[in-house]
Amino acid sequence: MRILVTGANGFAGRHLIRLLGQQSDVELFAGVHRIDEVATEFTREFNAQVYPFDLGDERSIQSLIQAVRPEQTYHLAGIAKTFGVSVQEYFRLNSLGAYFLGKSILETCGKDARLLYVSSAGVYDATHSHILTESTPVQPSSEYGASKASAEAFLWSLYAKGLDVVMVRPFNHTGPGQMRGFVCPDLVYRLKQSLARIGSGEVPQLEVGKLHSVRDFTDVRDVVAAYQLIMRDFQSGSIVNVASGKGIRVQEIIDLLVHEVAGLKDVQLISALEQSSRTDDDVVVGDSTLLQRTTGWEPRYSMKDSLLELWNESFFD
């Protein structure tokens, strides 16, 4: 089986490559923006062939697909930041990039080649319900979410022409290897920085945002395991949520980090005005019933497990 992972050296991509690399019957191909230390590791550990390509260039995408001729493609590449990016860049990379990839797969590999597109829970109308199912209306409230919804629409047009595609809508995920710019790694970094500045016996300070917000977090290792099962078990044209199905308050995450991970008795919380990735509702939780019933998937890692991995990451020291 020839498998291509785009965005392979990104946060989730790295974990997916490691998961797929454990299979003996797989020829693994990593599509990356540039060859770096992570991409080199893929070749060394999993005998993966690494291909740099430009997601914003249709010819570059065509060259990638013509060189690899994948039987399965996991499309994770794109802009993951949910703020601070122009509408033009979101559309060029997230929307058109997905379309040109799907188009190239259909034209080069035919209708038997499967594409798993990683969309986002950001496509949903989060005001419709606190528990979001696959039938929740698509009405994104951010440019990022709009770019993902647009990509889905483009892929539906290719599905009508015969493209074998499944679309996944992951909710928040975290865990080992996640860099700053997201809730959990930012909290870990700030707490470590505070501990490094204070003297013995002093209480560390931690800048925080909205403590009351409830979000659905899944460990990235569970997320990529779900992707693999969805690729295997779902019919073409399926849309599948990837979520724990449980909400956790930011305050609870902080309590876990401070008391159970860092082993601290107390911390002084300081409210900080932060640029938000969306217009936050109090509660946004995903319903993963379809995923669980179809594949038997269940999360294996807890939020504490994810935070422990992040706490032990050397790049936060």
Protein backbone atom coordinates (compact mmCIF):
# COMPACT_ATOMS: atom_id res chain seq x y z
CA MET A 1 0.00 0.00 0.00
CA ARG A 2 1.42 3.36 -1.09
CA ILE A 3 0.44 5.97 1.51
CA LEU A 4 1.08 9.71 1.31
CA VAL A 5 0.84 12.03 4.31
CA THR A 6 0.87 15.75 3.51
CA GLY A 7 1.92 18.08 6.30
CA ALA A 8 3.91 15.14 7.60
CA ASN A 9 6.31 17.22 9.66
CA GLY A 10 3.50 19.12 11.37
CA PHE A 11 2.14 18.38 14.84
CA ALA A 12 -0.38 15.65 13.95
CA GLY A 13 1.50 14.59 10.82
CA ARG A 14 4.54 13.44 12.77
CA HIS A 15 2.41 11.19 14.95
CA LEU A 16 0.53 9.81 11.95
CA ILE A 17 3.79 8.95 10.18
CA ARG A 18 4.99 7.09 13.28
CA LEU A 19 1.71 5.17 13.49
CA LEU A 20 1.64 4.20 9.82
CA GLY A 21 5.35 3.40 9.88
CA GLN A 22 4.65 0.48 12.22
CA GLN A 23 2.87 -1.39 9.41
CA SER A 24 4.97 -3.83 7.41
CA ASP A 25 2.95 -3.66 4.19
CA VAL A 26 3.22 0.11 3.66
CA GLU A 27 5.32 2.26 1.36
CA LEU A 28 5.33 5.57 3.17
CA PHE A 29 5.66 8.98 1.53
CA ALA A 30 5.91 12.26 3.44
CA GLY A 31 4.83 15.47 1.76
CA VAL A 32 6.46 18.43 3.51
CA HIS A 33 6.87 22.16 2.97
CA ARG A 34 10.60 21.82 3.50
CA ILE A 35 13.00 19.07 4.51
CA ASP A 36 13.97 19.49 8.15
CA GLU A 37 15.25 17.34 11.01
CA VAL A 38 11.83 15.76 11.51
CA ALA A 39 11.56 14.80 7.83
CA THR A 40 15.06 13.32 7.90
CA GLU A 41 14.00 11.22 10.89
CA PHE A 42 11.14 9.77 8.83
CA THR A 43 13.62 8.38 6.31
CA ARG A 44 15.93 7.04 8.97
CA GLU A 45 13.32 5.39 11.19
CA PHE A 46 10.52 4.41 8.81
CA ASN A 47 12.20 4.34 5.39
CA ALA A 48 9.75 7.02 4.29
CA GLN A 49 10.43 8.88 1.07
CA VAL A 50 10.25 12.63 1.67
CA TYR A 51 8.94 15.02 -0.99
CA PRO A 52 9.01 18.80 -0.50
CA PHE A 53 6.12 20.55 -2.24
CA ASP A 54 4.26 23.86 -2.30
CA LEU A 55 0.61 23.57 -1.30
CA GLY A 56 -0.07 26.93 -2.92
CA ASP A 57 1.19 25.82 -6.34
CA GLU A 58 -0.99 23.52 -8.46
CA ARG A 59 1.96 22.31 -10.54
CA SER A 60 3.92 21.41 -7.42
CA ILE A 61 0.96 19.39 -6.15
CA GLN A 62 0.59 17.65 -9.51
CA SER A 63 4.30 16.76 -9.50
CA LEU A 64 3.98 15.29 -6.00
CA ILE A 65 1.02 13.09 -6.91
CA GLN A 66 2.56 11.99 -10.22
CA ALA A 67 5.78 11.01 -8.44
CA VAL A 68 4.14 9.16 -5.54
CA ARG A 69 0.92 7.81 -7.15
CA PRO A 70 -0.58 7.13 -3.72
CA GLU A 71 -3.31 4.61 -3.07
CA GLN A 72 -4.20 6.46 0.13
CA THR A 73 -3.55 10.12 0.97
CA TYR A 74 -3.96 11.75 4.36
CA HIS A 75 -4.16 15.50 3.74
CA LEU A 76 -3.02 17.31 6.88
CA ALA A 77 -1.07 20.14 5.24
CA GLY A 78 -2.36 23.70 5.52
CA ILE A 79 -2.50 26.66 7.85
CA ALA A 80 -3.30 25.51 11.38
CA LYS A 81 -3.23 28.95 13.02
CA THR A 82 -6.73 30.22 13.62
CA PHE A 83 -5.86 33.92 13.71
CA GLY A 84 -3.29 36.35 12.35
CA VAL A 85 -3.45 35.05 8.77
CA SER A 86 -4.90 36.87 5.76
CA VAL A 87 -8.07 35.64 4.09
CA GLN A 88 -6.11 35.29 0.85
CA GLU A 89 -3.59 32.91 2.44
CA TYR A 90 -6.28 30.85 4.13
CA PHE A 91 -8.09 30.44 0.81
CA ARG A 92 -4.94 29.82 -1.26
CA LEU A 93 -3.50 27.13 1.01
CA ASN A 94 -6.40 25.59 2.91
CA SER A 95 -9.13 25.78 0.27
CA LEU A 96 -7.48 25.74 -3.15
CA GLY A 97 -4.65 23.52 -1.90
CA ALA A 98 -7.14 20.82 -0.89
CA TYR A 99 -8.99 21.17 -4.19
CA PHE A 100 -5.89 20.87 -6.36
CA LEU A 101 -4.68 17.90 -4.32
CA GLY A 102 -7.99 16.08 -4.74
CA LYS A 103 -8.11 16.97 -8.43
CA SER A 104 -4.58 15.67 -8.99
CA ILE A 105 -5.35 12.42 -7.17
CA LEU A 106 -8.48 11.84 -9.27
CA GLU A 107 -6.74 12.65 -12.56
CA THR A 108 -3.52 10.75 -11.84
CA CYS A 109 -4.57 7.83 -9.65
CA GLY A 110 -8.20 7.35 -10.61
CA LYS A 111 -11.29 6.54 -8.60
CA ASP A 112 -9.69 3.75 -6.56
CA ALA A 113 -7.29 6.09 -4.74
CA ARG A 114 -8.68 7.36 -1.44
CA LEU A 115 -8.25 10.81 0.11
CA LEU A 116 -8.81 11.52 3.80
CA TYR A 117 -9.19 15.27 4.22
CA VAL A 118 -8.58 16.75 7.66
CA SER A 119 -11.10 19.56 7.97
CA SER A 120 -11.98 21.12 11.34
CA ALA A 121 -14.74 21.45 13.90
CA GLY A 122 -14.34 25.15 13.16
CA VAL A 123 -16.75 24.72 10.23
CA TYR A 124 -19.71 24.29 12.60
CA ASP A 125 -22.17 26.87 13.86
CA ALA A 126 -21.06 26.64 17.49
CA THR A 127 -24.10 28.66 18.62
CA HIS A 128 -26.47 25.98 17.29
CA SER A 129 -25.76 23.52 20.10
CA HIS A 130 -23.14 22.87 22.74
CA ILE A 131 -22.83 19.25 21.54
CA LEU A 132 -21.86 19.28 17.88
CA THR A 133 -22.71 16.30 15.65
CA GLU A 134 -21.98 15.71 11.99
CA SER A 135 -25.44 17.10 11.19
CA THR A 136 -24.85 20.41 13.00
CA PRO A 137 -25.18 23.25 10.45
CA VAL A 138 -21.98 24.39 8.77
CA GLN A 139 -21.68 28.09 9.56
CA PRO A 140 -18.11 28.99 10.50
CA SER A 141 -17.45 32.06 12.64
CA SER A 142 -13.80 32.56 11.64
CA GLU A 143 -11.79 32.93 8.45
CA TYR A 144 -9.96 29.71 9.35
CA GLY A 145 -13.23 27.80 9.67
CA ALA A 146 -14.48 29.35 6.44
CA SER A 147 -11.39 28.14 4.58
CA LYS A 148 -11.99 24.60 5.82
CA ALA A 149 -15.68 24.70 4.90
CA SER A 150 -14.71 26.00 1.46
CA ALA A 151 -12.24 23.13 1.04
CA GLU A 152 -14.99 20.65 1.90
CA ALA A 153 -17.25 22.23 -0.74
CA PHE A 154 -14.52 21.97 -3.39
CA LEU A 155 -13.95 18.32 -2.49
CA TRP A 156 -17.68 17.61 -2.76
CA SER A 157 -17.47 18.83 -6.36
CA LEU A 158 -14.71 16.28 -6.99
CA TYR A 159 -16.64 13.57 -5.13
CA ALA A 160 -19.43 14.12 -7.67
CA LYS A 161 -16.88 13.32 -10.39
CA GLY A 162 -15.74 10.11 -8.72
CA LEU A 163 -13.12 11.09 -6.13
CA ASP A 164 -13.03 8.63 -3.20
CA VAL A 165 -12.90 11.04 -0.27
CA VAL A 166 -13.73 11.00 3.43
CA MET A 167 -13.65 14.13 5.55
CA VAL A 168 -12.81 14.33 9.24
CA ARG A 169 -13.64 17.19 11.55
CA PRO A 170 -11.30 17.07 14.53
CA PHE A 171 -11.93 19.09 17.65
CA ASN A 172 -9.12 20.44 19.84
CA HIS A 173 -6.14 18.14 20.18
CA THR A 174 -2.94 18.43 22.15
CA GLY A 175 -0.09 16.28 23.40
CA PRO A 176 3.59 15.60 22.74
CA GLY A 177 5.20 17.84 20.17
CA GLN A 178 2.61 20.61 20.11
CA MET A 179 4.28 24.00 19.87
CA ARG A 180 3.26 27.30 21.42
CA GLY A 181 0.28 29.16 20.06
CA PHE A 182 -2.30 26.73 21.48
CA VAL A 183 -3.92 26.51 24.92
CA CYS A 184 -2.06 23.64 26.57
CA PRO A 185 1.52 24.29 25.39
CA ASP A 186 1.08 28.00 26.13
CA LEU A 187 0.05 27.22 29.71
CA VAL A 188 3.01 24.86 30.14
CA TYR A 189 5.44 27.42 28.74
CA ARG A 190 4.16 30.29 30.90
CA LEU A 191 4.25 28.22 34.07
CA LYS A 192 7.80 27.01 33.39
CA GLN A 193 8.92 30.56 32.65
CA SER A 194 7.38 31.79 35.89
CA LEU A 195 9.06 29.03 37.91
CA ALA A 196 12.42 29.92 36.36
CA ARG A 197 12.07 33.56 37.46
CA ILE A 198 11.01 33.18 41.08
CA GLY A 199 12.97 32.34 44.18
CA SER A 200 12.48 29.52 46.64
CA GLY A 201 9.19 29.70 48.49
CA GLU A 202 7.62 32.22 46.13
CA VAL A 203 4.29 31.53 44.46
CA PRO A 204 4.52 31.31 40.65
CA GLN A 205 2.27 33.43 38.48
CA LEU A 206 0.37 32.21 35.45
CA GLU A 207 -1.24 34.39 32.79
CA VAL A 208 -4.57 32.95 31.72
CA GLY A 209 -7.41 33.72 29.34
CA LYS A 210 -11.02 32.58 29.66
CA LEU A 211 -11.20 30.19 32.60
CA HIS A 212 -14.88 29.33 32.16
CA SER A 213 -14.65 28.14 28.55
CA VAL A 214 -15.32 24.43 28.04
CA ARG A 215 -13.64 22.67 25.14
CA ASP A 216 -13.27 19.10 23.88
CA PHE A 217 -9.63 17.96 23.90
CA THR A 218 -8.23 14.69 22.54
CA ASP A 219 -4.61 13.57 22.67
CA VAL A 220 -2.97 13.77 19.25
CA ARG A 221 -2.02 10.09 19.42
CA ASP A 222 -5.68 9.17 19.75
CA VAL A 223 -6.57 11.56 16.94
CA VAL A 224 -4.23 9.99 14.38
CA ALA A 225 -5.36 6.51 15.44
CA ALA A 226 -8.89 7.66 14.58
CA TYR A 227 -7.72 8.90 11.17
CA GLN A 228 -6.29 5.48 10.37
CA LEU A 229 -9.52 3.72 11.35
CA ILE A 230 -11.67 6.19 9.41
CA MET A 231 -9.55 5.65 6.31
CA ARG A 232 -10.14 1.90 6.68
CA ASP A 233 -13.76 1.65 7.78
CA PHE A 234 -15.83 4.51 6.36
CA GLN A 235 -17.51 4.73 2.97
CA SER A 236 -16.60 7.40 0.46
CA GLY A 237 -18.44 10.66 1.08
CA SER A 238 -18.50 10.23 4.86
CA ILE A 239 -18.02 13.12 7.30
CA VAL A 240 -16.74 12.09 10.73
CA ASN A 241 -16.16 14.00 13.96
CA VAL A 242 -13.00 13.18 15.90
CA ALA A 243 -13.60 14.18 19.51
CA SER A 244 -13.44 12.82 23.03
CA GLY A 245 -17.10 13.66 23.56
CA LYS A 246 -16.22 15.24 26.91
CA GLY A 247 -15.77 18.89 27.76
CA ILE A 248 -13.14 20.25 30.11
CA ARG A 249 -12.93 23.78 31.51
CA VAL A 250 -9.72 25.73 31.05
CA GLN A 251 -9.69 26.09 34.84
CA GLU A 252 -9.63 22.29 35.17
CA ILE A 253 -6.69 22.08 32.75
CA ILE A 254 -4.81 24.63 34.86
CA ASP A 255 -5.58 22.70 38.06
CA LEU A 256 -4.27 19.48 36.51
CA LEU A 257 -1.14 21.20 35.25
CA VAL A 258 -0.34 23.02 38.49
CA HIS A 259 -1.16 20.36 41.06
CA GLU A 260 -0.81 16.94 39.39
CA VAL A 261 1.77 17.60 36.68
CA ALA A 262 4.00 20.32 38.12
CA GLY A 263 3.41 19.21 41.72
CA LEU A 264 2.79 22.74 42.98
CA LYS A 265 0.59 23.68 45.91
CA ASP A 266 -0.48 27.05 44.62
CA VAL A 267 -0.27 29.47 41.71
CA GLN A 268 -1.38 33.07 41.26
CA LEU A 269 -3.58 33.46 38.20
CA ILE A 270 -3.29 36.71 36.26
CA SER A 271 -5.93 37.56 33.70
CA ALA A 272 -4.43 38.35 30.29
CA LEU A 273 -6.17 39.76 27.25
CA GLU A 274 -5.35 37.32 24.48
CA GLN A 275 -6.25 37.27 20.83
CA SER A 276 -8.90 34.61 20.52
CA SER A 277 -9.01 32.01 17.78
CA ARG A 278 -12.79 32.35 17.54
CA THR A 279 -15.77 33.96 19.16
CA ASP A 280 -15.73 31.62 22.12
CA ASP A 281 -18.95 30.11 23.36
CA ASP A 282 -18.94 28.77 26.87
CA VAL A 283 -19.26 25.14 25.81
CA VAL A 284 -18.13 23.48 22.57
CA VAL A 285 -18.02 19.67 22.67
CA GLY A 286 -17.99 17.14 19.84
CA ASP A 287 -20.18 14.07 19.47
CA SER A 288 -18.05 11.12 18.31
CA THR A 289 -20.79 8.48 18.41
CA LEU A 290 -20.50 7.77 14.68
CA LEU A 291 -16.75 7.22 14.91
CA GLN A 292 -17.00 4.98 17.96
CA ARG A 293 -19.87 2.85 16.65
CA THR A 294 -18.27 2.32 13.25
CA THR A 295 -14.68 1.64 14.29
CA GLY A 296 -14.70 0.84 18.01
CA TRP A 297 -12.33 3.77 18.58
CA GLU A 298 -12.00 5.15 22.08
CA PRO A 299 -9.52 7.68 23.50
CA ARG A 300 -6.63 6.02 25.34
CA TYR A 301 -4.90 9.10 26.72
CA SER A 302 -6.22 11.50 29.35
CA MET A 303 -5.65 15.24 29.60
CA LYS A 304 -3.19 14.54 32.40
CA ASP A 305 -1.25 12.21 30.06
CA SER A 306 -1.10 14.95 27.42
CA LEU A 307 0.03 17.59 29.90
CA LEU A 308 2.73 15.31 31.33
CA GLU A 309 4.16 14.82 27.85
CA LEU A 310 4.14 18.56 27.20
CA TRP A 311 5.70 19.27 30.60
CA ASN A 312 8.59 16.96 29.78
CA GLU A 313 9.27 18.55 26.38
CA SER A 314 12.74 20.11 26.49
CA PHE A 315 11.84 23.00 24.18
CA PHE A 316 9.65 24.50 26.91
CA ASP A 317 12.59 24.78 29.35
